[in-house]
Amino acid sequence: MKTRVVATLRSEYPLPVLLQVANLARSTFYYQLGQMQAQDRHVKLKQAIRKIFDKSHQRYGYRRVRLQLLRDGWCVSRKLVAKLMRQLGLRSKTRKRKCYNSYRGTTSRRADNHLDRRFATEKPNQQWVSDITQFQISGQKLYVSPVMDLCDHSILAHTLSVSPTTKVSALSLKKAFRVAGDPGGVLVHTDQGYHYQH
């Protein structure tokens, strides 16, 4: 506050007198003046950031705000946008990620847990495990269903899909049996979610 007053009156009164009256050191005055000017330097940029942020319904973080600024002709660094957004108190709304869970209750008879967390076997094609996992690429949800041999942890087969249907898990198992040469007596262990109960 003192620095702002001294800077305003500097054109009318000698600076040493103003600094003495304000009880302000010369170095402190110039440092604070520099800080004020640096902040004022980004006034238009801050306005542009706030406009983009509000237009995105407060969903854009500093990366997406910067991309839009670059499209609008601004030349700004990632760090500067992040810093100014912090100063403005702009934080994007984040949605809590929901983990994919294939369990929807019991739809048929459930098998006993024969594996009982013994995830090791000496010979191939004795015990396989399978599951369906969800992940995202460029905002697109994808589902992968791998079949793994517990002997050497190799992936025998997998199926990739945009929706978690029963066909995904069934196709993975069919592929695995084809790759392994239709072995007999294989124990296939799953979480017995919706897809595997069918």
N, C-alpha and C. Protein backbone atom coordinates (compact mmCIF):
# COMPACT_ATOMS: atom_id res chain seq x y z
N MET A 1 0.83 -1.20 0.00
CA MET A 1 0.00 0.00 0.00
C MET A 1 0.87 1.26 0.00
N LYS A 2 1.91 1.27 0.88
CA LYS A 2 2.82 2.41 0.94
C LYS A 2 3.49 2.64 -0.40
N THR A 3 3.94 1.55 -1.02
CA THR A 3 4.65 1.63 -2.31
C THR A 3 3.75 2.26 -3.37
N ARG A 4 2.49 1.90 -3.37
CA ARG A 4 1.54 2.42 -4.36
C ARG A 4 1.37 3.94 -4.17
N VAL A 5 1.27 4.37 -2.91
CA VAL A 5 1.10 5.80 -2.61
C VAL A 5 2.35 6.58 -3.03
N VAL A 6 3.53 6.05 -2.66
CA VAL A 6 4.80 6.72 -3.01
C VAL A 6 4.95 6.81 -4.52
N ALA A 7 4.61 5.72 -5.24
CA ALA A 7 4.71 5.71 -6.70
C ALA A 7 3.78 6.74 -7.33
N THR A 8 2.61 6.93 -6.73
CA THR A 8 1.63 7.90 -7.25
C THR A 8 2.12 9.34 -7.04
N LEU A 9 2.71 9.61 -5.86
CA LEU A 9 3.14 10.98 -5.51
C LEU A 9 4.54 11.33 -5.99
N ARG A 10 5.24 10.37 -6.58
CA ARG A 10 6.64 10.57 -6.96
C ARG A 10 6.82 11.69 -7.99
N SER A 11 5.83 11.91 -8.83
CA SER A 11 5.96 12.97 -9.86
C SER A 11 5.81 14.36 -9.27
N GLU A 12 5.23 14.45 -8.05
CA GLU A 12 5.00 15.76 -7.43
C GLU A 12 6.01 16.10 -6.33
N TYR A 13 6.57 15.07 -5.68
CA TYR A 13 7.48 15.30 -4.55
C TYR A 13 8.77 14.51 -4.76
N PRO A 14 9.86 14.96 -4.13
CA PRO A 14 11.13 14.23 -4.24
C PRO A 14 11.01 12.83 -3.60
N LEU A 15 11.58 11.84 -4.24
CA LEU A 15 11.48 10.46 -3.77
C LEU A 15 12.08 10.27 -2.37
N PRO A 16 13.28 10.85 -2.06
CA PRO A 16 13.83 10.64 -0.71
C PRO A 16 12.90 11.12 0.41
N VAL A 17 12.19 12.25 0.15
CA VAL A 17 11.27 12.79 1.15
C VAL A 17 10.09 11.83 1.35
N LEU A 18 9.53 11.33 0.24
CA LEU A 18 8.40 10.40 0.31
C LEU A 18 8.78 9.12 1.05
N LEU A 19 9.98 8.61 0.76
CA LEU A 19 10.44 7.37 1.40
C LEU A 19 10.63 7.57 2.91
N GLN A 20 11.12 8.78 3.29
CA GLN A 20 11.32 9.07 4.71
C GLN A 20 9.98 9.18 5.44
N VAL A 21 9.02 9.86 4.82
CA VAL A 21 7.70 10.03 5.42
C VAL A 21 6.99 8.67 5.54
N ALA A 22 7.14 7.84 4.50
CA ALA A 22 6.47 6.53 4.49
C ALA A 22 7.24 5.49 5.31
N ASN A 23 8.45 5.87 5.78
CA ASN A 23 9.30 4.94 6.53
C ASN A 23 9.54 3.66 5.72
N LEU A 24 10.00 3.90 4.48
CA LEU A 24 10.17 2.81 3.52
C LEU A 24 11.59 2.85 2.97
N ALA A 25 12.30 1.75 3.01
CA ALA A 25 13.66 1.68 2.47
C ALA A 25 13.60 1.78 0.95
N ARG A 26 14.63 2.41 0.37
CA ARG A 26 14.68 2.61 -1.09
C ARG A 26 14.64 1.27 -1.82
N SER A 27 15.43 0.29 -1.33
CA SER A 27 15.48 -1.03 -1.99
C SER A 27 14.13 -1.73 -1.91
N THR A 28 13.44 -1.61 -0.76
CA THR A 28 12.11 -2.22 -0.59
C THR A 28 11.12 -1.60 -1.55
N PHE A 29 11.19 -0.25 -1.68
CA PHE A 29 10.29 0.46 -2.59
C PHE A 29 10.46 -0.05 -4.02
N TYR A 30 11.71 -0.14 -4.50
CA TYR A 30 11.94 -0.57 -5.89
C TYR A 30 11.58 -2.05 -6.11
N TYR A 31 11.82 -2.85 -5.08
CA TYR A 31 11.46 -4.27 -5.19
C TYR A 31 9.94 -4.41 -5.32
N GLN A 32 9.19 -3.73 -4.41
CA GLN A 32 7.74 -3.83 -4.44
C GLN A 32 7.14 -3.19 -5.70
N LEU A 33 7.77 -2.13 -6.16
CA LEU A 33 7.33 -1.48 -7.40
C LEU A 33 7.49 -2.44 -8.58
N GLY A 34 8.62 -3.15 -8.60
CA GLY A 34 8.86 -4.14 -9.66
C GLY A 34 7.83 -5.26 -9.63
N GLN A 35 7.48 -5.70 -8.41
CA GLN A 35 6.46 -6.76 -8.25
C GLN A 35 5.10 -6.28 -8.77
N MET A 36 4.76 -5.04 -8.44
CA MET A 36 3.47 -4.49 -8.88
C MET A 36 3.41 -4.37 -10.39
N GLN A 37 4.51 -3.92 -10.99
CA GLN A 37 4.55 -3.76 -12.45
C GLN A 37 4.51 -5.12 -13.14
N ALA A 38 5.17 -6.11 -12.55
CA ALA A 38 5.17 -7.46 -13.13
C ALA A 38 3.76 -8.05 -13.12
N GLN A 39 3.04 -7.82 -12.02
CA GLN A 39 1.67 -8.32 -11.95
C GLN A 39 0.77 -7.60 -12.94
N ASP A 40 0.94 -6.29 -13.05
CA ASP A 40 0.13 -5.50 -13.98
C ASP A 40 0.41 -5.89 -15.42
N ARG A 41 1.60 -6.41 -15.68
CA ARG A 41 2.00 -6.80 -17.03
C ARG A 41 1.10 -7.89 -17.58
N HIS A 42 0.51 -8.70 -16.70
CA HIS A 42 -0.29 -9.85 -17.12
C HIS A 42 -1.80 -9.64 -16.98
N VAL A 43 -2.21 -8.38 -16.86
CA VAL A 43 -3.63 -8.10 -16.65
C VAL A 43 -4.48 -8.67 -17.80
N LYS A 44 -4.09 -8.38 -19.03
CA LYS A 44 -4.86 -8.85 -20.20
C LYS A 44 -4.82 -10.37 -20.31
N LEU A 45 -3.66 -10.94 -20.01
CA LEU A 45 -3.52 -12.40 -20.05
C LEU A 45 -4.42 -13.05 -19.00
N LYS A 46 -4.46 -12.45 -17.81
CA LYS A 46 -5.33 -12.98 -16.75
C LYS A 46 -6.80 -12.93 -17.16
N GLN A 47 -7.17 -11.84 -17.83
CA GLN A 47 -8.55 -11.71 -18.31
C GLN A 47 -8.87 -12.80 -19.33
N ALA A 48 -7.91 -13.05 -20.23
CA ALA A 48 -8.10 -14.09 -21.25
C ALA A 48 -8.21 -15.48 -20.60
N ILE A 49 -7.37 -15.71 -19.58
CA ILE A 49 -7.39 -17.00 -18.86
C ILE A 49 -8.74 -17.19 -18.18
N ARG A 50 -9.21 -16.15 -17.50
CA ARG A 50 -10.49 -16.25 -16.79
C ARG A 50 -11.64 -16.49 -17.77
N LYS A 51 -11.58 -15.83 -18.92
CA LYS A 51 -12.64 -15.99 -19.93
C LYS A 51 -12.69 -17.43 -20.45
N ILE A 52 -11.51 -18.00 -20.74
CA ILE A 52 -11.43 -19.39 -21.23
C ILE A 52 -11.90 -20.36 -20.14
N PHE A 53 -11.46 -20.10 -18.92
CA PHE A 53 -11.82 -20.96 -17.79
C PHE A 53 -13.33 -20.97 -17.57
N ASP A 54 -13.94 -19.77 -17.59
CA ASP A 54 -15.39 -19.68 -17.39
C ASP A 54 -16.16 -20.30 -18.55
N LYS A 55 -15.64 -20.12 -19.77
CA LYS A 55 -16.30 -20.68 -20.96
C LYS A 55 -16.29 -22.21 -20.93
N SER A 56 -15.28 -22.78 -20.29
CA SER A 56 -15.17 -24.25 -20.19
C SER A 56 -15.99 -24.79 -19.02
N HIS A 57 -16.80 -23.93 -18.38
CA HIS A 57 -17.58 -24.30 -17.20
C HIS A 57 -16.67 -24.78 -16.06
N GLN A 58 -15.50 -24.13 -15.97
CA GLN A 58 -14.51 -24.38 -14.91
C GLN A 58 -13.96 -25.80 -14.95
N ARG A 59 -13.90 -26.38 -16.16
CA ARG A 59 -13.40 -27.75 -16.30
C ARG A 59 -11.97 -27.80 -16.83
N TYR A 60 -11.47 -26.71 -17.43
CA TYR A 60 -10.13 -26.71 -18.00
C TYR A 60 -9.08 -26.48 -16.93
N GLY A 61 -8.03 -27.29 -16.96
CA GLY A 61 -6.86 -27.05 -16.13
C GLY A 61 -5.90 -26.17 -16.91
N TYR A 62 -4.71 -25.93 -16.35
CA TYR A 62 -3.78 -25.00 -17.00
C TYR A 62 -3.30 -25.49 -18.37
N ARG A 63 -3.23 -26.81 -18.59
CA ARG A 63 -2.78 -27.32 -19.89
C ARG A 63 -3.76 -26.96 -21.00
N ARG A 64 -5.04 -27.22 -20.75
CA ARG A 64 -6.05 -26.95 -21.77
C ARG A 64 -6.28 -25.45 -21.94
N VAL A 65 -6.16 -24.69 -20.85
CA VAL A 65 -6.26 -23.23 -20.95
C VAL A 65 -5.13 -22.71 -21.83
N ARG A 66 -3.93 -23.24 -21.62
CA ARG A 66 -2.78 -22.79 -22.43
C ARG A 66 -2.97 -23.14 -23.90
N LEU A 67 -3.47 -24.34 -24.19
CA LEU A 67 -3.72 -24.72 -25.59
C LEU A 67 -4.68 -23.75 -26.26
N GLN A 68 -5.73 -23.37 -25.54
CA GLN A 68 -6.69 -22.42 -26.10
C GLN A 68 -6.06 -21.04 -26.28
N LEU A 69 -5.20 -20.65 -25.33
CA LEU A 69 -4.48 -19.37 -25.46
C LEU A 69 -3.60 -19.37 -26.71
N LEU A 70 -2.90 -20.49 -26.94
CA LEU A 70 -2.05 -20.59 -28.13
C LEU A 70 -2.88 -20.50 -29.40
N ARG A 71 -4.06 -21.13 -29.40
CA ARG A 71 -4.97 -21.04 -30.56
C ARG A 71 -5.44 -19.60 -30.79
N ASP A 72 -5.58 -18.88 -29.66
CA ASP A 72 -6.05 -17.48 -29.75
C ASP A 72 -4.92 -16.50 -30.06
N GLY A 73 -3.70 -17.01 -30.25
CA GLY A 73 -2.60 -16.14 -30.65
C GLY A 73 -1.66 -15.70 -29.55
N TRP A 74 -1.87 -16.15 -28.32
CA TRP A 74 -0.97 -15.82 -27.22
C TRP A 74 0.27 -16.71 -27.28
N CYS A 75 1.40 -16.15 -26.83
CA CYS A 75 2.63 -16.94 -26.75
C CYS A 75 3.01 -17.02 -25.27
N VAL A 76 2.58 -18.11 -24.62
CA VAL A 76 2.78 -18.24 -23.17
C VAL A 76 3.31 -19.61 -22.82
N SER A 77 4.03 -19.66 -21.72
CA SER A 77 4.57 -20.95 -21.26
C SER A 77 3.56 -21.63 -20.33
N ARG A 78 3.75 -22.92 -20.18
CA ARG A 78 2.90 -23.72 -19.29
C ARG A 78 3.01 -23.22 -17.85
N LYS A 79 4.25 -22.92 -17.43
CA LYS A 79 4.48 -22.49 -16.05
C LYS A 79 3.79 -21.17 -15.73
N LEU A 80 3.82 -20.24 -16.71
CA LEU A 80 3.20 -18.94 -16.48
C LEU A 80 1.68 -19.08 -16.33
N VAL A 81 1.07 -19.89 -17.20
CA VAL A 81 -0.39 -20.09 -17.12
C VAL A 81 -0.75 -20.73 -15.78
N ALA A 82 0.02 -21.74 -15.36
CA ALA A 82 -0.23 -22.40 -14.08
C ALA A 82 -0.10 -21.41 -12.93
N LYS A 83 0.93 -20.56 -12.98
CA LYS A 83 1.17 -19.58 -11.92
C LYS A 83 0.03 -18.56 -11.85
N LEU A 84 -0.39 -18.05 -13.01
CA LEU A 84 -1.46 -17.04 -13.03
C LEU A 84 -2.80 -17.63 -12.59
N MET A 85 -3.04 -18.88 -12.97
CA MET A 85 -4.28 -19.53 -12.54
C MET A 85 -4.29 -19.73 -11.02
N ARG A 86 -3.12 -20.04 -10.46
CA ARG A 86 -3.00 -20.15 -9.00
C ARG A 86 -3.30 -18.81 -8.33
N GLN A 87 -2.71 -17.73 -8.90
CA GLN A 87 -2.93 -16.39 -8.35
C GLN A 87 -4.41 -15.99 -8.41
N LEU A 88 -5.08 -16.40 -9.48
CA LEU A 88 -6.49 -16.07 -9.64
C LEU A 88 -7.41 -17.02 -8.87
N GLY A 89 -6.82 -18.07 -8.32
CA GLY A 89 -7.61 -19.05 -7.56
C GLY A 89 -8.49 -19.92 -8.44
N LEU A 90 -8.04 -20.18 -9.67
CA LEU A 90 -8.82 -20.98 -10.62
C LEU A 90 -8.36 -22.43 -10.58
N ARG A 91 -9.25 -23.30 -10.14
CA ARG A 91 -8.95 -24.73 -10.11
C ARG A 91 -10.05 -25.47 -10.85
N SER A 92 -9.64 -26.36 -11.73
CA SER A 92 -10.64 -27.07 -12.54
C SER A 92 -11.41 -28.07 -11.69
N LYS A 93 -12.68 -28.25 -12.05
CA LYS A 93 -13.50 -29.25 -11.38
C LYS A 93 -13.04 -30.61 -11.84
N THR A 94 -12.80 -31.50 -10.92
CA THR A 94 -12.39 -32.85 -11.30
C THR A 94 -13.45 -33.83 -10.84
N ARG A 95 -13.71 -34.78 -11.74
CA ARG A 95 -14.67 -35.82 -11.42
C ARG A 95 -13.92 -37.00 -10.85
N LYS A 96 -14.45 -37.59 -9.80
CA LYS A 96 -13.80 -38.75 -9.22
C LYS A 96 -13.93 -39.91 -10.19
N ARG A 97 -12.78 -40.51 -10.51
CA ARG A 97 -12.79 -41.62 -11.45
C ARG A 97 -13.46 -42.84 -10.85
N LYS A 98 -14.35 -43.42 -11.63
CA LYS A 98 -14.99 -44.64 -11.19
C LYS A 98 -14.22 -45.82 -11.75
N CYS A 99 -13.79 -46.69 -10.88
CA CYS A 99 -13.10 -47.89 -11.33
C CYS A 99 -14.12 -48.86 -11.89
N TYR A 100 -13.74 -49.51 -12.97
CA TYR A 100 -14.65 -50.46 -13.59
C TYR A 100 -14.76 -51.70 -12.73
N ASN A 101 -15.98 -52.14 -12.50
CA ASN A 101 -16.23 -53.34 -11.72
C ASN A 101 -17.26 -54.18 -12.46
N SER A 102 -16.86 -55.38 -12.84
CA SER A 102 -17.75 -56.23 -13.63
C SER A 102 -18.77 -56.98 -12.77
N TYR A 103 -18.63 -56.89 -11.45
CA TYR A 103 -19.54 -57.65 -10.59
C TYR A 103 -20.89 -56.95 -10.49
N ARG A 104 -21.97 -57.65 -10.87
CA ARG A 104 -23.33 -57.09 -10.78
C ARG A 104 -24.25 -58.03 -10.01
N GLY A 105 -23.71 -58.74 -9.09
CA GLY A 105 -24.51 -59.70 -8.34
C GLY A 105 -24.42 -61.07 -8.99
N THR A 106 -25.04 -62.03 -8.37
CA THR A 106 -25.00 -63.39 -8.88
C THR A 106 -26.10 -63.59 -9.92
N THR A 107 -25.69 -63.95 -11.14
CA THR A 107 -26.68 -64.20 -12.19
C THR A 107 -26.79 -65.69 -12.51
N SER A 108 -25.86 -66.47 -12.01
CA SER A 108 -25.92 -67.93 -12.20
C SER A 108 -25.13 -68.58 -11.07
N ARG A 109 -24.93 -69.89 -11.15
CA ARG A 109 -24.19 -70.59 -10.09
C ARG A 109 -22.73 -70.17 -10.11
N ARG A 110 -22.20 -69.85 -8.95
CA ARG A 110 -20.79 -69.47 -8.85
C ARG A 110 -19.94 -70.70 -8.52
N ALA A 111 -18.78 -70.77 -9.15
CA ALA A 111 -17.87 -71.90 -8.92
C ALA A 111 -17.08 -71.68 -7.62
N ASP A 112 -16.61 -72.76 -7.05
CA ASP A 112 -15.77 -72.68 -5.85
C ASP A 112 -14.41 -72.12 -6.22
N ASN A 113 -13.74 -71.51 -5.25
CA ASN A 113 -12.42 -70.93 -5.46
C ASN A 113 -11.36 -72.02 -5.28
N HIS A 114 -11.05 -72.74 -6.34
CA HIS A 114 -10.07 -73.83 -6.28
C HIS A 114 -8.63 -73.31 -6.18
N LEU A 115 -8.37 -72.15 -6.76
CA LEU A 115 -7.01 -71.60 -6.77
C LEU A 115 -6.61 -71.11 -5.37
N ASP A 116 -7.53 -70.48 -4.66
CA ASP A 116 -7.31 -70.02 -3.29
C ASP A 116 -6.00 -69.24 -3.12
N ARG A 117 -5.78 -68.29 -4.01
CA ARG A 117 -4.62 -67.38 -4.01
C ARG A 117 -3.27 -68.08 -4.18
N ARG A 118 -3.26 -69.29 -4.69
CA ARG A 118 -1.98 -69.96 -4.99
C ARG A 118 -1.67 -69.69 -6.46
N PHE A 119 -1.04 -68.53 -6.70
CA PHE A 119 -0.79 -68.07 -8.06
C PHE A 119 0.55 -68.54 -8.60
N ALA A 120 0.85 -69.81 -8.44
CA ALA A 120 2.10 -70.36 -8.98
C ALA A 120 1.84 -71.79 -9.43
N THR A 121 2.40 -72.14 -10.56
CA THR A 121 2.28 -73.50 -11.08
C THR A 121 3.57 -73.84 -11.82
N GLU A 122 3.92 -75.11 -11.86
CA GLU A 122 5.20 -75.51 -12.46
C GLU A 122 5.10 -75.77 -13.95
N LYS A 123 3.95 -76.18 -14.43
CA LYS A 123 3.81 -76.51 -15.85
C LYS A 123 2.85 -75.55 -16.53
N PRO A 124 3.09 -75.29 -17.82
CA PRO A 124 2.17 -74.42 -18.55
C PRO A 124 0.82 -75.10 -18.77
N ASN A 125 -0.18 -74.28 -19.02
CA ASN A 125 -1.54 -74.73 -19.33
C ASN A 125 -2.19 -75.56 -18.22
N GLN A 126 -1.81 -75.26 -16.97
CA GLN A 126 -2.49 -75.87 -15.82
C GLN A 126 -3.47 -74.88 -15.20
N GLN A 127 -3.01 -73.63 -15.05
CA GLN A 127 -3.84 -72.59 -14.43
C GLN A 127 -3.74 -71.29 -15.23
N TRP A 128 -4.90 -70.80 -15.66
CA TRP A 128 -4.99 -69.52 -16.35
C TRP A 128 -5.82 -68.57 -15.51
N VAL A 129 -5.52 -67.28 -15.64
CA VAL A 129 -6.36 -66.26 -15.00
C VAL A 129 -6.81 -65.26 -16.07
N SER A 130 -7.98 -64.69 -15.84
CA SER A 130 -8.52 -63.73 -16.80
C SER A 130 -9.34 -62.67 -16.06
N ASP A 131 -9.46 -61.52 -16.68
CA ASP A 131 -10.26 -60.43 -16.11
C ASP A 131 -10.58 -59.44 -17.22
N ILE A 132 -11.44 -58.49 -16.93
CA ILE A 132 -11.72 -57.39 -17.88
C ILE A 132 -11.29 -56.10 -17.19
N THR A 133 -10.47 -55.31 -17.90
CA THR A 133 -9.95 -54.06 -17.35
C THR A 133 -10.34 -52.90 -18.24
N GLN A 134 -10.71 -51.79 -17.62
CA GLN A 134 -11.08 -50.58 -18.36
C GLN A 134 -9.92 -49.59 -18.32
N PHE A 135 -9.65 -48.93 -19.43
CA PHE A 135 -8.68 -47.84 -19.46
C PHE A 135 -9.12 -46.83 -20.49
N GLN A 136 -8.47 -45.66 -20.51
CA GLN A 136 -8.87 -44.60 -21.43
C GLN A 136 -7.71 -44.19 -22.31
N ILE A 137 -8.02 -43.93 -23.58
CA ILE A 137 -7.06 -43.36 -24.52
C ILE A 137 -7.76 -42.20 -25.21
N SER A 138 -7.23 -41.00 -25.04
CA SER A 138 -7.81 -39.78 -25.63
C SER A 138 -9.29 -39.63 -25.29
N GLY A 139 -9.64 -39.90 -24.05
CA GLY A 139 -11.02 -39.76 -23.61
C GLY A 139 -11.95 -40.89 -24.01
N GLN A 140 -11.46 -41.87 -24.74
CA GLN A 140 -12.27 -43.01 -25.19
C GLN A 140 -12.06 -44.17 -24.24
N LYS A 141 -13.16 -44.70 -23.68
CA LYS A 141 -13.06 -45.86 -22.79
C LYS A 141 -12.87 -47.12 -23.63
N LEU A 142 -11.90 -47.93 -23.23
CA LEU A 142 -11.65 -49.20 -23.88
C LEU A 142 -11.59 -50.30 -22.83
N TYR A 143 -11.91 -51.51 -23.25
CA TYR A 143 -11.92 -52.65 -22.34
C TYR A 143 -11.05 -53.75 -22.92
N VAL A 144 -10.16 -54.28 -22.10
CA VAL A 144 -9.29 -55.37 -22.54
C VAL A 144 -9.50 -56.57 -21.62
N SER A 145 -9.54 -57.75 -22.26
CA SER A 145 -9.71 -58.99 -21.51
C SER A 145 -8.55 -59.92 -21.86
N PRO A 146 -7.50 -59.96 -21.02
CA PRO A 146 -6.37 -60.85 -21.28
C PRO A 146 -6.56 -62.21 -20.59
N VAL A 147 -5.88 -63.21 -21.12
CA VAL A 147 -5.82 -64.53 -20.47
C VAL A 147 -4.34 -64.81 -20.22
N MET A 148 -3.98 -65.02 -18.95
CA MET A 148 -2.58 -65.19 -18.58
C MET A 148 -2.34 -66.59 -18.01
N ASP A 149 -1.24 -67.20 -18.43
CA ASP A 149 -0.82 -68.49 -17.89
C ASP A 149 0.01 -68.23 -16.64
N LEU A 150 -0.37 -68.83 -15.51
CA LEU A 150 0.34 -68.58 -14.25
C LEU A 150 1.71 -69.24 -14.17
N CYS A 151 2.02 -70.11 -15.12
CA CYS A 151 3.34 -70.77 -15.11
C CYS A 151 4.46 -69.75 -15.37
N ASP A 152 4.32 -69.00 -16.46
CA ASP A 152 5.36 -68.03 -16.81
C ASP A 152 4.82 -66.60 -16.94
N HIS A 153 3.55 -66.41 -16.57
CA HIS A 153 2.88 -65.11 -16.63
C HIS A 153 2.81 -64.54 -18.05
N SER A 154 2.81 -65.41 -19.02
CA SER A 154 2.68 -64.95 -20.41
C SER A 154 1.20 -64.74 -20.74
N ILE A 155 0.94 -63.76 -21.59
CA ILE A 155 -0.42 -63.50 -22.04
C ILE A 155 -0.68 -64.38 -23.26
N LEU A 156 -1.57 -65.33 -23.10
CA LEU A 156 -1.88 -66.26 -24.19
C LEU A 156 -2.74 -65.60 -25.26
N ALA A 157 -3.68 -64.78 -24.83
CA ALA A 157 -4.57 -64.10 -25.77
C ALA A 157 -5.20 -62.90 -25.08
N HIS A 158 -5.73 -62.00 -25.88
CA HIS A 158 -6.47 -60.86 -25.34
C HIS A 158 -7.48 -60.37 -26.37
N THR A 159 -8.49 -59.68 -25.87
CA THR A 159 -9.50 -59.07 -26.74
C THR A 159 -9.69 -57.63 -26.29
N LEU A 160 -9.77 -56.74 -27.26
CA LEU A 160 -9.95 -55.31 -27.01
C LEU A 160 -11.30 -54.90 -27.56
N SER A 161 -12.04 -54.09 -26.78
CA SER A 161 -13.38 -53.69 -27.22
C SER A 161 -13.73 -52.32 -26.66
N VAL A 162 -14.72 -51.66 -27.29
CA VAL A 162 -15.19 -50.37 -26.79
C VAL A 162 -16.34 -50.54 -25.79
N SER A 163 -16.82 -51.78 -25.61
CA SER A 163 -17.86 -52.03 -24.62
C SER A 163 -17.59 -53.37 -23.92
N PRO A 164 -17.90 -53.46 -22.62
CA PRO A 164 -17.59 -54.67 -21.85
C PRO A 164 -18.69 -55.73 -21.96
N THR A 165 -18.77 -56.36 -23.10
CA THR A 165 -19.81 -57.38 -23.30
C THR A 165 -19.28 -58.76 -22.93
N THR A 166 -20.19 -59.72 -22.81
CA THR A 166 -19.80 -61.10 -22.51
C THR A 166 -18.99 -61.68 -23.66
N LYS A 167 -19.18 -61.13 -24.86
CA LYS A 167 -18.46 -61.60 -26.05
C LYS A 167 -16.95 -61.38 -25.89
N VAL A 168 -16.58 -60.29 -25.21
CA VAL A 168 -15.16 -59.94 -25.02
C VAL A 168 -14.44 -61.04 -24.24
N SER A 169 -15.01 -61.43 -23.10
CA SER A 169 -14.36 -62.46 -22.27
C SER A 169 -14.39 -63.82 -22.96
N ALA A 170 -15.49 -64.14 -23.62
CA ALA A 170 -15.61 -65.44 -24.29
C ALA A 170 -14.61 -65.56 -25.44
N LEU A 171 -14.43 -64.46 -26.19
CA LEU A 171 -13.51 -64.48 -27.33
C LEU A 171 -12.07 -64.64 -26.86
N SER A 172 -11.71 -64.00 -25.74
CA SER A 172 -10.35 -64.14 -25.18
C SER A 172 -10.06 -65.60 -24.83
N LEU A 173 -11.02 -66.25 -24.18
CA LEU A 173 -10.83 -67.64 -23.79
C LEU A 173 -10.72 -68.55 -25.01
N LYS A 174 -11.56 -68.30 -26.02
CA LYS A 174 -11.49 -69.10 -27.26
C LYS A 174 -10.12 -68.95 -27.92
N LYS A 175 -9.64 -67.72 -27.98
CA LYS A 175 -8.32 -67.46 -28.58
C LYS A 175 -7.22 -68.19 -27.80
N ALA A 176 -7.30 -68.13 -26.45
CA ALA A 176 -6.29 -68.76 -25.60
C ALA A 176 -6.24 -70.26 -25.82
N PHE A 177 -7.40 -70.89 -25.92
CA PHE A 177 -7.44 -72.33 -26.16
C PHE A 177 -6.87 -72.67 -27.54
N ARG A 178 -7.15 -71.82 -28.51
CA ARG A 178 -6.63 -72.04 -29.87
C ARG A 178 -5.09 -71.91 -29.87
N VAL A 179 -4.58 -70.87 -29.20
CA VAL A 179 -3.13 -70.63 -29.14
C VAL A 179 -2.41 -71.76 -28.41
N ALA A 180 -3.00 -72.24 -27.31
CA ALA A 180 -2.37 -73.29 -26.49
C ALA A 180 -2.60 -74.69 -27.05
N GLY A 181 -3.33 -74.80 -28.14
CA GLY A 181 -3.55 -76.11 -28.75
C GLY A 181 -4.60 -76.94 -28.03
N ASP A 182 -5.66 -76.29 -27.55
CA ASP A 182 -6.77 -76.95 -26.86
C ASP A 182 -6.32 -77.93 -25.76
N PRO A 183 -5.60 -77.46 -24.75
CA PRO A 183 -5.17 -78.35 -23.67
C PRO A 183 -6.36 -78.76 -22.79
N GLY A 184 -6.31 -79.95 -22.25
CA GLY A 184 -7.38 -80.41 -21.37
C GLY A 184 -7.03 -80.17 -19.91
N GLY A 185 -8.04 -80.07 -19.08
CA GLY A 185 -7.82 -79.96 -17.63
C GLY A 185 -7.27 -78.63 -17.16
N VAL A 186 -7.46 -77.56 -17.93
CA VAL A 186 -6.97 -76.24 -17.50
C VAL A 186 -7.95 -75.63 -16.50
N LEU A 187 -7.42 -75.09 -15.40
CA LEU A 187 -8.24 -74.39 -14.44
C LEU A 187 -8.22 -72.91 -14.82
N VAL A 188 -9.38 -72.36 -15.19
CA VAL A 188 -9.48 -70.94 -15.57
C VAL A 188 -10.07 -70.19 -14.38
N HIS A 189 -9.26 -69.28 -13.81
CA HIS A 189 -9.67 -68.54 -12.61
C HIS A 189 -10.03 -67.11 -12.99
N THR A 190 -11.21 -66.63 -12.57
CA THR A 190 -11.63 -65.24 -12.80
C THR A 190 -12.26 -64.72 -11.51
N ASP A 191 -12.67 -63.45 -11.54
CA ASP A 191 -13.35 -62.89 -10.37
C ASP A 191 -14.84 -63.27 -10.35
N GLN A 192 -15.26 -64.04 -11.33
CA GLN A 192 -16.64 -64.49 -11.49
C GLN A 192 -17.62 -63.31 -11.55
N GLY A 193 -17.15 -62.26 -12.24
CA GLY A 193 -18.02 -61.12 -12.49
C GLY A 193 -19.10 -61.48 -13.50
N TYR A 194 -19.87 -60.50 -13.86
CA TYR A 194 -21.01 -60.66 -14.76
C TYR A 194 -20.66 -61.43 -16.04
N HIS A 195 -19.54 -61.07 -16.66
CA HIS A 195 -19.17 -61.65 -17.94
C HIS A 195 -18.81 -63.13 -17.83
N TYR A 196 -18.18 -63.48 -16.72
CA TYR A 196 -17.71 -64.86 -16.56
C TYR A 196 -18.82 -65.78 -16.03
N GLN A 197 -19.78 -65.23 -15.32
CA GLN A 197 -20.89 -66.05 -14.86
C GLN A 197 -21.75 -66.50 -16.05
N HIS A 198 -21.76 -65.71 -17.10
CA HIS A 198 -22.54 -66.09 -18.28
C HIS A 198 -21.83 -67.14 -19.09
